[in-house]
Amino acid sequence: MKEKGFSLIEVLISLFIFIFILTSLLYLMTTCFLLKRKSEVNFLSSKVAMQKPEYLKSMSFESEILEQGIYKEEVVLQSHKRTYIRKWNILELSPSLKRVEIQAWDKNLPEKKTEFILYISKNLGF
């Protein structure tokens, strides 16, 4: 008389396949989470960095805010509960041209910087 059920080999093979699929899914989910976090940090640091050029472009060329020097500030994003550092360096290239180098990064990830360069011309008005 033949017994009903699965043999030990069949159970082990199905268990191996199940564990392999589960491990693959966990790896995929972890990778997706890390990529989402990385892209969110890049997006937010770009957003923080781009706020400063818009503000500086609205100032007159002779404004004290556009004097040559290195400036730094902390920006707290309440909606994301994160703190970013924004640093900008203003260089006077000529009496009618200034170069503004702007960097922004997450305070906890200083190696992930976003950088923009803005030229402000007195003759062109921006």
C-alpha atoms as a PDB file:
ATOM      1  CA  MET A   1       0.000   0.000   0.000  1.00  0.00           C
ATOM      2  CA  LYS A   2       1.341   3.420  -1.009  1.00  0.00           C
ATOM      3  CA  GLU A   3       1.344   6.208   1.588  1.00  0.00           C
ATOM      4  CA  LYS A   4       0.002   9.666   0.739  1.00  0.00           C
ATOM      5  CA  GLY A   5       2.108  12.846   1.293  1.00  0.00           C
ATOM      6  CA  PHE A   6       5.409  14.360   0.280  1.00  0.00           C
ATOM      7  CA  SER A   7       8.816  12.810   0.616  1.00  0.00           C
ATOM      8  CA  LEU A   8      11.602  14.484   2.588  1.00  0.00           C
ATOM      9  CA  ILE A   9      13.414  15.423  -0.648  1.00  0.00           C
ATOM     10  CA  GLU A  10      10.333  17.151  -2.042  1.00  0.00           C
ATOM     11  CA  VAL A  11       9.816  19.119   1.162  1.00  0.00           C
ATOM     12  CA  LEU A  12      13.495  20.196   1.273  1.00  0.00           C
ATOM     13  CA  ILE A  13      13.502  21.289  -2.365  1.00  0.00           C
ATOM     14  CA  SER A  14      10.290  23.295  -1.960  1.00  0.00           C
ATOM     15  CA  LEU A  15      11.655  24.849   1.255  1.00  0.00           C
ATOM     16  CA  PHE A  16      14.888  25.795  -0.548  1.00  0.00           C
ATOM     17  CA  ILE A  17      12.925  27.420  -3.401  1.00  0.00           C
ATOM     18  CA  PHE A  18      10.733  29.320  -0.906  1.00  0.00           C
ATOM     19  CA  ILE A  19      13.760  30.611   1.050  1.00  0.00           C
ATOM     20  CA  PHE A  20      15.539  31.608  -2.186  1.00  0.00           C
ATOM     21  CA  ILE A  21      12.509  33.616  -3.381  1.00  0.00           C
ATOM     22  CA  LEU A  22      12.008  35.210   0.048  1.00  0.00           C
ATOM     23  CA  THR A  23      15.694  36.226   0.260  1.00  0.00           C
ATOM     24  CA  SER A  24      15.550  37.718  -3.235  1.00  0.00           C
ATOM     25  CA  LEU A  25      12.457  39.732  -2.368  1.00  0.00           C
ATOM     26  CA  LEU A  26      14.029  41.046   0.842  1.00  0.00           C
ATOM     27  CA  TYR A  27      17.155  42.095  -1.064  1.00  0.00           C
ATOM     28  CA  LEU A  28      15.012  43.833  -3.680  1.00  0.00           C
ATOM     29  CA  MET A  29      12.972  45.676  -1.047  1.00  0.00           C
ATOM     30  CA  THR A  30      16.121  46.804   0.790  1.00  0.00           C
ATOM     31  CA  THR A  31      17.684  48.066  -2.432  1.00  0.00           C
ATOM     32  CA  CYS A  32      14.510  49.964  -3.352  1.00  0.00           C
ATOM     33  CA  PHE A  33      14.374  51.565   0.095  1.00  0.00           C
ATOM     34  CA  LEU A  34      18.019  52.688  -0.121  1.00  0.00           C
ATOM     35  CA  LEU A  35      17.527  54.107  -3.621  1.00  0.00           C
ATOM     36  CA  LYS A  36      14.418  55.977  -2.476  1.00  0.00           C
ATOM     37  CA  ARG A  37      16.325  57.456   0.466  1.00  0.00           C
ATOM     38  CA  LYS A  38      19.251  58.462  -1.735  1.00  0.00           C
ATOM     39  CA  SER A  39      17.031  60.131  -4.329  1.00  0.00           C
ATOM     40  CA  GLU A  40      15.071  61.928  -1.593  1.00  0.00           C
ATOM     41  CA  VAL A  41      18.297  63.304  -0.078  1.00  0.00           C
ATOM     42  CA  ASN A  42      19.492  64.422  -3.529  1.00  0.00           C
ATOM     43  CA  PHE A  43      16.167  66.066  -4.305  1.00  0.00           C
ATOM     44  CA  LEU A  44      15.946  67.900  -0.983  1.00  0.00           C
ATOM     45  CA  SER A  45      19.558  69.100  -1.085  1.00  0.00           C
ATOM     46  CA  SER A  46      18.953  70.407  -4.615  1.00  0.00           C
ATOM     47  CA  LYS A  47      15.814  72.153  -3.416  1.00  0.00           C
ATOM     48  CA  VAL A  48      17.678  73.740  -0.485  1.00  0.00           C
ATOM     49  CA  ALA A  49      20.562  74.796  -2.734  1.00  0.00           C
ATOM     50  CA  MET A  50      18.284  76.330  -5.394  1.00  0.00           C
ATOM     51  CA  GLN A  51      16.453  78.539  -2.917  1.00  0.00           C
ATOM     52  CA  LYS A  52      19.566  80.670  -2.409  1.00  0.00           C
ATOM     53  CA  PRO A  53      20.203  81.622  -6.085  1.00  0.00           C
ATOM     54  CA  GLU A  54      16.613  82.771  -6.436  1.00  0.00           C
ATOM     55  CA  TYR A  55      17.025  84.964  -3.377  1.00  0.00           C
ATOM     56  CA  LEU A  56      20.426  86.323  -4.475  1.00  0.00           C
ATOM     57  CA  LYS A  57      19.177  87.110  -7.990  1.00  0.00           C
ATOM     58  CA  SER A  58      16.481  89.299  -6.482  1.00  0.00           C
ATOM     59  CA  MET A  59      19.093  91.503  -4.749  1.00  0.00           C
ATOM     60  CA  SER A  60      20.735  94.512  -6.364  1.00  0.00           C
ATOM     61  CA  PHE A  61      24.308  93.985  -7.552  1.00  0.00           C
ATOM     62  CA  GLU A  62      25.710  96.413  -4.963  1.00  0.00           C
ATOM     63  CA  SER A  63      23.785  94.855  -2.050  1.00  0.00           C
ATOM     64  CA  GLU A  64      25.683  93.943   1.129  1.00  0.00           C
ATOM     65  CA  ILE A  65      24.307  90.428   0.786  1.00  0.00           C
ATOM     66  CA  LEU A  66      26.357  90.007  -2.408  1.00  0.00           C
ATOM     67  CA  GLU A  67      29.663  91.068  -0.867  1.00  0.00           C
ATOM     68  CA  GLN A  68      32.604  88.753  -1.451  1.00  0.00           C
ATOM     69  CA  GLY A  69      32.989  86.056   1.203  1.00  0.00           C
ATOM     70  CA  ILE A  70      32.026  82.605   2.423  1.00  0.00           C
ATOM     71  CA  TYR A  71      28.665  82.193   4.160  1.00  0.00           C
ATOM     72  CA  LYS A  72      27.011  79.224   5.820  1.00  0.00           C
ATOM     73  CA  GLU A  73      23.610  78.506   7.357  1.00  0.00           C
ATOM     74  CA  GLU A  74      21.497  75.639   8.600  1.00  0.00           C
ATOM     75  CA  VAL A  75      18.142  75.004   6.960  1.00  0.00           C
ATOM     76  CA  VAL A  76      15.610  72.926   8.864  1.00  0.00           C
ATOM     77  CA  LEU A  77      12.947  71.238   6.746  1.00  0.00           C
ATOM     78  CA  GLN A  78      10.099  70.701   9.185  1.00  0.00           C
ATOM     79  CA  SER A  79       8.057  68.639   6.731  1.00  0.00           C
ATOM     80  CA  HIS A  80      10.860  66.068   6.375  1.00  0.00           C
ATOM     81  CA  LYS A  81      12.351  66.489   9.863  1.00  0.00           C
ATOM     82  CA  ARG A  82      15.827  66.994   8.452  1.00  0.00           C
ATOM     83  CA  THR A  83      18.508  69.621   8.769  1.00  0.00           C
ATOM     84  CA  TYR A  84      20.548  70.732   5.770  1.00  0.00           C
ATOM     85  CA  ILE A  85      23.653  72.861   5.597  1.00  0.00           C
ATOM     86  CA  ARG A  86      23.815  75.504   2.875  1.00  0.00           C
ATOM     87  CA  LYS A  87      27.151  77.153   2.118  1.00  0.00           C
ATOM     88  CA  TRP A  88      27.840  79.762  -0.511  1.00  0.00           C
ATOM     89  CA  ASN A  89      30.983  81.501  -1.652  1.00  0.00           C
ATOM     90  CA  ILE A  90      30.744  84.833  -3.470  1.00  0.00           C
ATOM     91  CA  LEU A  91      33.697  85.800  -5.649  1.00  0.00           C
ATOM     92  CA  GLU A  92      33.998  89.128  -7.422  1.00  0.00           C
ATOM     93  CA  LEU A  93      35.479  88.276 -10.820  1.00  0.00           C
ATOM     94  CA  SER A  94      35.315  91.837 -12.129  1.00  0.00           C
ATOM     95  CA  PRO A  95      33.593  95.079 -11.116  1.00  0.00           C
ATOM     96  CA  SER A  96      30.514  93.953 -13.048  1.00  0.00           C
ATOM     97  CA  LEU A  97      30.557  90.153 -12.561  1.00  0.00           C
ATOM     98  CA  LYS A  98      30.218  87.924  -9.498  1.00  0.00           C
ATOM     99  CA  ARG A  99      30.417  84.160  -9.193  1.00  0.00           C
ATOM    100  CA  VAL A 100      28.350  82.442  -6.503  1.00  0.00           C
ATOM    101  CA  GLU A 101      29.161  78.824  -5.648  1.00  0.00           C
ATOM    102  CA  ILE A 102      26.371  77.212  -3.620  1.00  0.00           C
ATOM    103  CA  GLN A 103      26.565  73.861  -1.852  1.00  0.00           C
ATOM    104  CA  ALA A 104      23.918  72.054   0.154  1.00  0.00           C
ATOM    105  CA  TRP A 105      23.981  68.746   2.003  1.00  0.00           C
ATOM    106  CA  ASP A 106      22.163  66.781   4.659  1.00  0.00           C
ATOM    107  CA  LYS A 107      23.759  67.453   8.032  1.00  0.00           C
ATOM    108  CA  ASN A 108      24.018  63.698   8.636  1.00  0.00           C
ATOM    109  CA  LEU A 109      25.457  62.973   5.169  1.00  0.00           C
ATOM    110  CA  PRO A 110      28.185  65.564   4.514  1.00  0.00           C
ATOM    111  CA  GLU A 111      29.713  63.473   1.715  1.00  0.00           C
ATOM    112  CA  LYS A 112      26.549  63.830  -0.438  1.00  0.00           C
ATOM    113  CA  LYS A 113      26.799  67.451  -1.573  1.00  0.00           C
ATOM    114  CA  THR A 114      24.834  69.237  -4.259  1.00  0.00           C
ATOM    115  CA  GLU A 115      26.588  72.168  -5.880  1.00  0.00           C
ATOM    116  CA  PHE A 116      25.385  74.969  -8.142  1.00  0.00           C
ATOM    117  CA  ILE A 117      27.261  77.888  -9.655  1.00  0.00           C
ATOM    118  CA  LEU A 118      25.562  81.185 -10.409  1.00  0.00           C
ATOM    119  CA  TYR A 119      27.007  84.159 -12.253  1.00  0.00           C
ATOM    120  CA  ILE A 120      25.519  87.568 -11.497  1.00  0.00           C
ATOM    121  CA  SER A 121      26.163  90.357 -13.971  1.00  0.00           C
ATOM    122  CA  LYS A 122      25.684  94.041 -13.221  1.00  0.00           C
ATOM    123  CA  ASN A 123      25.301  94.830 -16.923  1.00  0.00           C
ATOM    124  CA  LEU A 124      22.667  92.185 -17.590  1.00  0.00           C
ATOM    125  CA  GLY A 125      20.798  92.745 -14.345  1.00  0.00           C
ATOM    126  CA  PHE A 126      20.899  89.123 -13.172  1.00  0.00           C
END
